[in-house]
Amino acid sequence: MSYFTEENSAEIVNARMSADTDPRLRQVMTSLVKHLHAFARDVNLTQDEWDYAIGFLTRTGQMCSDERQEFILLSDVLGFSMLVDAINNRRPAGATENTVFGPFHVADAPIRAMGENITLDGKGESCLFEGHVLDLDGKPIEGACIDVWADNADGYYDVQQPDFQPKWNNRGRFFTGADGGYSFRGIKPVSYPIPDDGPVGQMLGHLGRHPYRPAHIHYLITAPGYQKLVTHTFVGEDEYLESDAVFGVKKSLIAPYERNEGGDTVWRSRFDFVLAPV
C-alpha cells in the first residue's frame, strides 16, 4: 500500500478516481492535480501563504452577484480567459480574430436601421462606424447580425448605471443587406478601468498593475453557415494598448479612426469583418 508523501502526492490523489470516471473529466483533473501539486513544490508554498490564498478565493466568491462576476474578472486579469478563447477559436488565415466576450453584453438589444445612432445620452465625440462583413474569399455576407455594445463617454456601460443612463445606451443590432455592408453612429470609445474595488483589484495593486482597458467597441457577429465572431475593435492611439488589464488586444483588431471632414460626425472608423465557415 502506498501512502501520501511530498514526492508522490499527485499520484496518490489521482489514483483515488474511480475506474468509471468520465474520460474527459479524468484527463482534466489528473492534469490539474499534477500541476497544482507541482506549483506548491516549485514555490515551496508556506501554510500562511496557502491560508491567505484560501481567504482570497473566499472573498472573490463573496464579491460575486447577479451584476458582477469576480471570478471571471480574476480569470481575465490572469490572462486565462484570453488563453481559453484562443484555444477555442483558432481561425484560418484572413479571418477576423476573436477576443474576450466581457461581462457587459445584454441579449436581445434593439434591432436598428443602418446608419442609426446607438448613443442615447448625448455624450462623447460622435463617430461613424462602417464597413462590410465578408467571407474568406472577400464576398459579402447577407443577413449577418452585428450585435454591438460599448461604454459611454464616462467609461461606463448602461448596465453599470441603470439609474443614470438610458436603457440600451450604446447598444444595438444591425443586419447586413446584399452588399454585406453595415453603418451606424455612436461615439469614439474611451478607455476605462475594470472594477477594482474587490479582491482582484487589490491583487492588481500588489502586483503594480493598473486596471485599465484600452478604448474599444464590442462586436458579436453571427451568420448562418459561419463561425460566431466575438471581438472588439480598438482605438489605435490609446495609451493602454500594450498593457490591457485583460490582455484582449490583438494587432489586427486596431481600427483606424480619422476625422470625418464634411460629415455629420466628428470621427469615422471603417473596419471589415471576415467570417470563417463552420
Protein backbone atom coordinates (compact mmCIF):
# COMPACT_ATOMS: atom_id res chain seq x y z
CA MET A 1 0.00 0.00 0.00
CA SER A 2 1.27 3.48 -0.90
CA TYR A 3 0.80 6.37 1.50
CA PHE A 4 0.78 10.09 0.80
CA THR A 5 4.23 11.74 0.72
CA GLU A 6 5.57 15.02 -0.57
CA GLU A 7 7.12 13.23 -3.53
CA ASN A 8 4.14 11.11 -4.66
CA SER A 9 1.27 13.42 -3.63
CA ALA A 10 -0.25 13.94 -7.09
CA GLU A 11 -0.10 10.26 -7.98
CA ILE A 12 -1.81 9.25 -4.73
CA VAL A 13 -4.62 11.80 -5.19
CA ASN A 14 -5.23 10.89 -8.83
CA ALA A 15 -5.27 7.18 -8.00
CA ARG A 16 -8.42 7.74 -5.90
CA MET A 17 -10.55 8.38 -9.00
CA SER A 18 -12.89 5.51 -9.76
CA ALA A 19 -12.50 3.35 -12.84
CA ASP A 20 -15.77 4.62 -14.31
CA THR A 21 -14.84 8.32 -14.10
CA ASP A 22 -15.72 10.17 -17.30
CA PRO A 23 -12.59 10.04 -19.52
CA ARG A 24 -12.50 13.77 -20.19
CA LEU A 25 -13.03 14.58 -16.51
CA ARG A 26 -10.23 12.16 -15.65
CA GLN A 27 -7.89 13.84 -18.13
CA VAL A 28 -8.64 17.34 -16.85
CA MET A 29 -8.48 16.50 -13.14
CA THR A 30 -5.32 14.40 -13.49
CA SER A 31 -3.52 17.29 -15.14
CA LEU A 32 -4.93 19.86 -12.70
CA VAL A 33 -3.81 17.92 -9.64
CA LYS A 34 -0.40 17.22 -11.18
CA HIS A 35 0.29 20.89 -11.97
CA LEU A 36 -1.24 22.23 -8.75
CA HIS A 37 0.93 19.98 -6.60
CA ALA A 38 3.98 20.80 -8.74
CA PHE A 39 3.29 24.52 -8.23
CA ALA A 40 3.23 24.14 -4.43
CA ARG A 41 6.58 22.33 -4.52
CA ASP A 42 8.08 24.76 -7.04
CA VAL A 43 7.45 27.84 -4.86
CA ASN A 44 7.84 25.96 -1.54
CA LEU A 45 4.40 27.26 -0.53
CA THR A 46 4.06 28.16 3.14
CA GLN A 47 1.00 27.45 5.28
CA ASP A 48 0.42 31.18 5.81
CA GLU A 49 0.50 31.76 2.05
CA TRP A 50 -1.98 28.97 1.42
CA ASP A 51 -4.28 30.29 4.17
CA TYR A 52 -4.13 33.73 2.53
CA ALA A 53 -4.95 32.18 -0.86
CA ILE A 54 -8.00 30.41 0.60
CA GLY A 55 -9.13 33.72 2.09
CA PHE A 56 -8.58 35.48 -1.24
CA LEU A 57 -10.70 32.92 -3.10
CA THR A 58 -13.38 33.16 -0.40
CA ARG A 59 -13.52 36.97 -0.75
CA THR A 60 -13.64 36.60 -4.53
CA GLY A 61 -16.70 34.36 -4.25
CA GLN A 62 -18.37 36.69 -1.76
CA MET A 63 -17.94 39.58 -4.23
CA CYS A 64 -19.96 37.77 -6.90
CA SER A 65 -23.58 38.73 -7.57
CA ASP A 66 -26.08 38.78 -10.42
CA GLU A 67 -24.46 42.01 -11.61
CA ARG A 68 -20.80 41.12 -11.04
CA GLN A 69 -18.65 38.01 -11.51
CA GLU A 70 -15.38 38.47 -9.66
CA PHE A 71 -14.10 35.02 -10.67
CA ILE A 72 -14.41 35.92 -14.36
CA LEU A 73 -12.53 39.13 -13.57
CA LEU A 74 -9.81 37.05 -11.90
CA SER A 75 -9.61 34.79 -14.95
CA ASP A 76 -9.41 37.87 -17.19
CA VAL A 77 -6.55 39.62 -15.40
CA LEU A 78 -4.52 36.39 -15.21
CA GLY A 79 -4.77 36.09 -18.99
CA PHE A 80 -6.59 32.79 -18.61
CA SER A 81 -9.77 33.96 -20.32
CA MET A 82 -7.78 35.04 -23.36
CA LEU A 83 -5.87 31.75 -23.45
CA VAL A 84 -9.06 29.66 -23.36
CA ASP A 85 -10.57 31.95 -26.00
CA ALA A 86 -7.52 31.49 -28.25
CA ILE A 87 -7.56 27.69 -27.85
CA ASN A 88 -11.24 27.50 -28.74
CA ASN A 89 -11.24 30.00 -31.61
CA ARG A 90 -8.39 29.02 -33.90
CA ARG A 91 -9.22 30.56 -37.26
CA PRO A 92 -7.85 30.23 -40.79
CA ALA A 93 -5.60 32.95 -42.16
CA GLY A 94 -7.56 36.01 -43.20
CA ALA A 95 -10.44 35.56 -40.75
CA THR A 96 -11.01 38.24 -38.13
CA GLU A 97 -9.60 37.25 -34.76
CA ASN A 98 -11.66 36.63 -31.65
CA THR A 99 -11.10 38.28 -28.29
CA VAL A 100 -12.75 38.13 -24.86
CA PHE A 101 -16.52 38.47 -24.59
CA GLY A 102 -16.51 40.64 -21.49
CA PRO A 103 -19.19 40.85 -18.78
CA PHE A 104 -21.39 43.63 -20.17
CA HIS A 105 -23.21 42.07 -23.12
CA VAL A 106 -27.01 42.13 -22.92
CA ALA A 107 -29.02 39.79 -25.13
CA ASP A 108 -31.81 40.99 -27.42
CA ALA A 109 -30.60 44.55 -27.94
CA PRO A 110 -32.92 46.61 -30.18
CA ILE A 111 -32.73 45.94 -33.91
CA ARG A 112 -31.77 49.24 -35.51
CA ALA A 113 -31.74 50.59 -39.03
CA MET A 114 -28.45 51.05 -40.82
CA GLY A 115 -27.00 54.47 -40.03
CA GLU A 116 -28.95 54.81 -36.78
CA ASN A 117 -27.35 56.38 -33.70
CA ILE A 118 -26.83 53.97 -30.78
CA THR A 119 -25.70 56.72 -28.37
CA LEU A 120 -28.75 57.86 -26.44
CA ASP A 121 -27.24 60.03 -23.69
CA GLY A 122 -25.80 62.73 -25.96
CA LYS A 123 -22.30 62.42 -24.51
CA GLY A 124 -18.99 61.90 -26.27
CA GLU A 125 -17.38 62.63 -29.62
CA SER A 126 -19.65 61.33 -32.36
CA CYS A 127 -18.30 58.65 -34.69
CA LEU A 128 -19.50 56.91 -37.84
CA PHE A 129 -18.74 53.18 -37.84
CA GLU A 130 -18.91 51.42 -41.19
CA GLY A 131 -17.55 48.51 -43.17
CA HIS A 132 -18.53 45.10 -44.50
CA VAL A 133 -18.98 41.54 -43.31
CA LEU A 134 -17.19 39.26 -45.76
CA ASP A 135 -16.27 35.62 -46.26
CA LEU A 136 -12.71 34.37 -46.73
CA ASP A 137 -12.97 34.99 -50.48
CA GLY A 138 -13.92 38.62 -49.92
CA LYS A 139 -17.56 38.09 -50.90
CA PRO A 140 -20.24 39.95 -48.92
CA ILE A 141 -22.34 38.03 -46.40
CA GLU A 142 -26.00 38.95 -46.49
CA GLY A 143 -28.13 38.65 -43.36
CA ALA A 144 -25.27 38.77 -40.86
CA CYS A 145 -26.33 40.02 -37.43
CA ILE A 146 -23.97 42.60 -35.95
CA ASP A 147 -24.60 42.98 -32.22
CA VAL A 148 -22.64 45.96 -30.89
CA TRP A 149 -22.14 47.42 -27.42
CA ALA A 150 -19.83 49.99 -25.85
CA ASP A 151 -19.24 52.15 -22.80
CA ASN A 152 -20.33 55.78 -22.71
CA ALA A 153 -18.09 58.85 -22.70
CA ASP A 154 -17.58 58.49 -18.93
CA GLY A 155 -16.31 54.91 -19.30
CA TYR A 156 -19.41 53.09 -18.01
CA TYR A 157 -21.79 50.64 -19.66
CA ASP A 158 -25.50 51.27 -19.30
CA VAL A 159 -25.94 48.23 -17.03
CA GLN A 160 -23.41 49.75 -14.61
CA GLN A 161 -25.50 52.92 -14.31
CA PRO A 162 -29.14 51.85 -14.73
CA ASP A 163 -30.35 54.92 -12.82
CA PHE A 164 -28.34 57.37 -14.93
CA GLN A 165 -28.04 56.04 -18.47
CA PRO A 166 -30.92 55.37 -20.87
CA LYS A 167 -31.68 51.70 -21.34
CA TRP A 168 -29.86 50.26 -24.37
CA ASN A 169 -27.45 53.20 -24.45
CA ASN A 170 -24.63 52.42 -26.92
CA ARG A 171 -26.18 49.10 -27.92
CA GLY A 172 -27.92 47.77 -30.99
CA ARG A 173 -28.23 45.01 -33.56
CA PHE A 174 -27.88 45.52 -37.30
CA PHE A 175 -28.47 43.12 -40.19
CA THR A 176 -26.43 43.33 -43.37
CA GLY A 177 -28.00 43.57 -46.80
CA ALA A 178 -26.88 42.03 -50.07
CA ASP A 179 -23.67 44.07 -50.12
CA GLY A 180 -22.67 42.87 -46.63
CA GLY A 181 -22.30 46.48 -45.54
CA TYR A 182 -23.00 48.00 -42.16
CA SER A 183 -23.05 51.51 -40.76
CA PHE A 184 -24.13 53.10 -37.52
CA ARG A 185 -23.33 56.16 -35.46
CA GLY A 186 -22.06 56.15 -31.91
CA ILE A 187 -19.15 57.74 -30.09
CA LYS A 188 -15.41 57.29 -30.27
CA PRO A 189 -14.70 54.80 -27.46
CA VAL A 190 -12.82 55.81 -24.32
CA SER A 191 -10.61 53.71 -22.04
CA TYR A 192 -11.96 52.69 -18.64
CA PRO A 193 -10.94 50.72 -15.53
CA ILE A 194 -12.32 47.29 -14.80
CA PRO A 195 -13.97 47.07 -11.34
CA ASP A 196 -11.04 47.30 -8.92
CA ASP A 197 -12.75 47.72 -5.56
CA GLY A 198 -12.64 44.00 -4.75
CA PRO A 199 -10.00 41.31 -4.17
CA VAL A 200 -8.96 41.22 -7.84
CA GLY A 201 -8.32 44.96 -7.82
CA GLN A 202 -6.32 44.58 -4.61
CA MET A 203 -4.25 41.85 -6.27
CA LEU A 204 -3.51 44.14 -9.23
CA GLY A 205 -2.37 46.83 -6.81
CA HIS A 206 0.01 44.44 -5.05
CA LEU A 207 1.43 43.45 -8.45
CA GLY A 208 1.94 47.05 -9.53
CA ARG A 209 -0.57 46.68 -12.37
CA HIS A 210 -3.21 49.20 -13.45
CA PRO A 211 -6.87 48.18 -14.01
CA TYR A 212 -7.45 49.93 -17.34
CA ARG A 213 -8.76 48.59 -20.62
CA PRO A 214 -7.87 50.49 -23.81
CA ALA A 215 -10.71 52.18 -25.69
CA HIS A 216 -12.71 49.64 -27.70
CA ILE A 217 -16.12 48.70 -29.01
CA HIS A 218 -17.59 45.19 -28.81
CA TYR A 219 -18.99 43.13 -31.69
CA LEU A 220 -20.82 39.81 -31.75
CA ILE A 221 -21.35 38.78 -35.37
CA THR A 222 -23.34 35.74 -36.47
CA ALA A 223 -24.46 34.44 -39.85
CA PRO A 224 -25.81 31.06 -41.00
CA GLY A 225 -23.01 28.79 -42.16
CA TYR A 226 -20.26 30.79 -40.45
CA GLN A 227 -18.47 30.65 -37.11
CA LYS A 228 -19.66 33.09 -34.47
CA LEU A 229 -17.27 36.01 -34.07
CA VAL A 230 -16.82 37.68 -30.68
CA THR A 231 -14.38 40.54 -30.97
CA HIS A 232 -13.52 44.21 -30.33
CA THR A 233 -12.02 46.95 -32.41
CA PHE A 234 -9.55 49.22 -30.61
CA VAL A 235 -8.59 52.88 -30.92
CA GLY A 236 -5.06 53.00 -32.27
CA GLU A 237 -3.57 55.82 -30.22
CA ASP A 238 -4.84 54.61 -26.84
CA GLU A 239 -2.21 54.68 -24.08
CA TYR A 240 -3.26 51.27 -22.71
CA LEU A 241 -2.99 49.24 -25.93
CA GLU A 242 0.17 47.48 -24.78
CA SER A 243 -0.94 46.99 -21.17
CA ASP A 244 -4.62 46.00 -21.40
CA ALA A 245 -5.62 44.70 -17.95
CA VAL A 246 -7.27 41.63 -19.52
CA PHE A 247 -4.79 41.07 -22.41
CA GLY A 248 -7.53 41.41 -25.04
CA VAL A 249 -5.67 43.48 -27.65
CA LYS A 250 -4.60 41.93 -30.94
CA LYS A 251 -2.76 43.97 -33.55
CA SER A 252 -5.22 43.00 -36.28
CA LEU A 253 -8.11 44.48 -34.26
CA ILE A 254 -6.70 48.01 -34.03
CA ALA A 255 -9.03 50.08 -36.19
CA PRO A 256 -8.34 53.37 -37.97
CA TYR A 257 -10.06 56.49 -36.67
CA GLU A 258 -9.98 59.61 -38.80
CA ARG A 259 -11.62 63.00 -38.69
CA ASN A 260 -14.85 62.90 -40.67
CA GLU A 261 -14.35 66.10 -42.62
CA GLY A 262 -17.64 67.33 -44.04
CA GLY A 263 -19.63 64.55 -42.37
CA ASP A 264 -22.23 64.73 -39.61
CA THR A 265 -19.93 63.07 -37.05
CA VAL A 266 -16.59 64.15 -35.60
CA TRP A 267 -14.91 60.81 -36.30
CA ARG A 268 -15.15 57.97 -38.77
CA SER A 269 -13.92 54.39 -38.35
CA ARG A 270 -14.02 51.78 -41.10
CA PHE A 271 -13.42 48.09 -40.40
CA ASP A 272 -14.26 44.96 -42.39
CA PHE A 273 -15.03 41.71 -40.57
CA VAL A 274 -14.15 38.39 -42.21
CA LEU A 275 -16.01 35.29 -41.02
CA ALA A 276 -14.73 31.73 -41.21
CA PRO A 277 -17.08 28.95 -42.36
CA VAL A 278 -18.33 26.39 -39.85
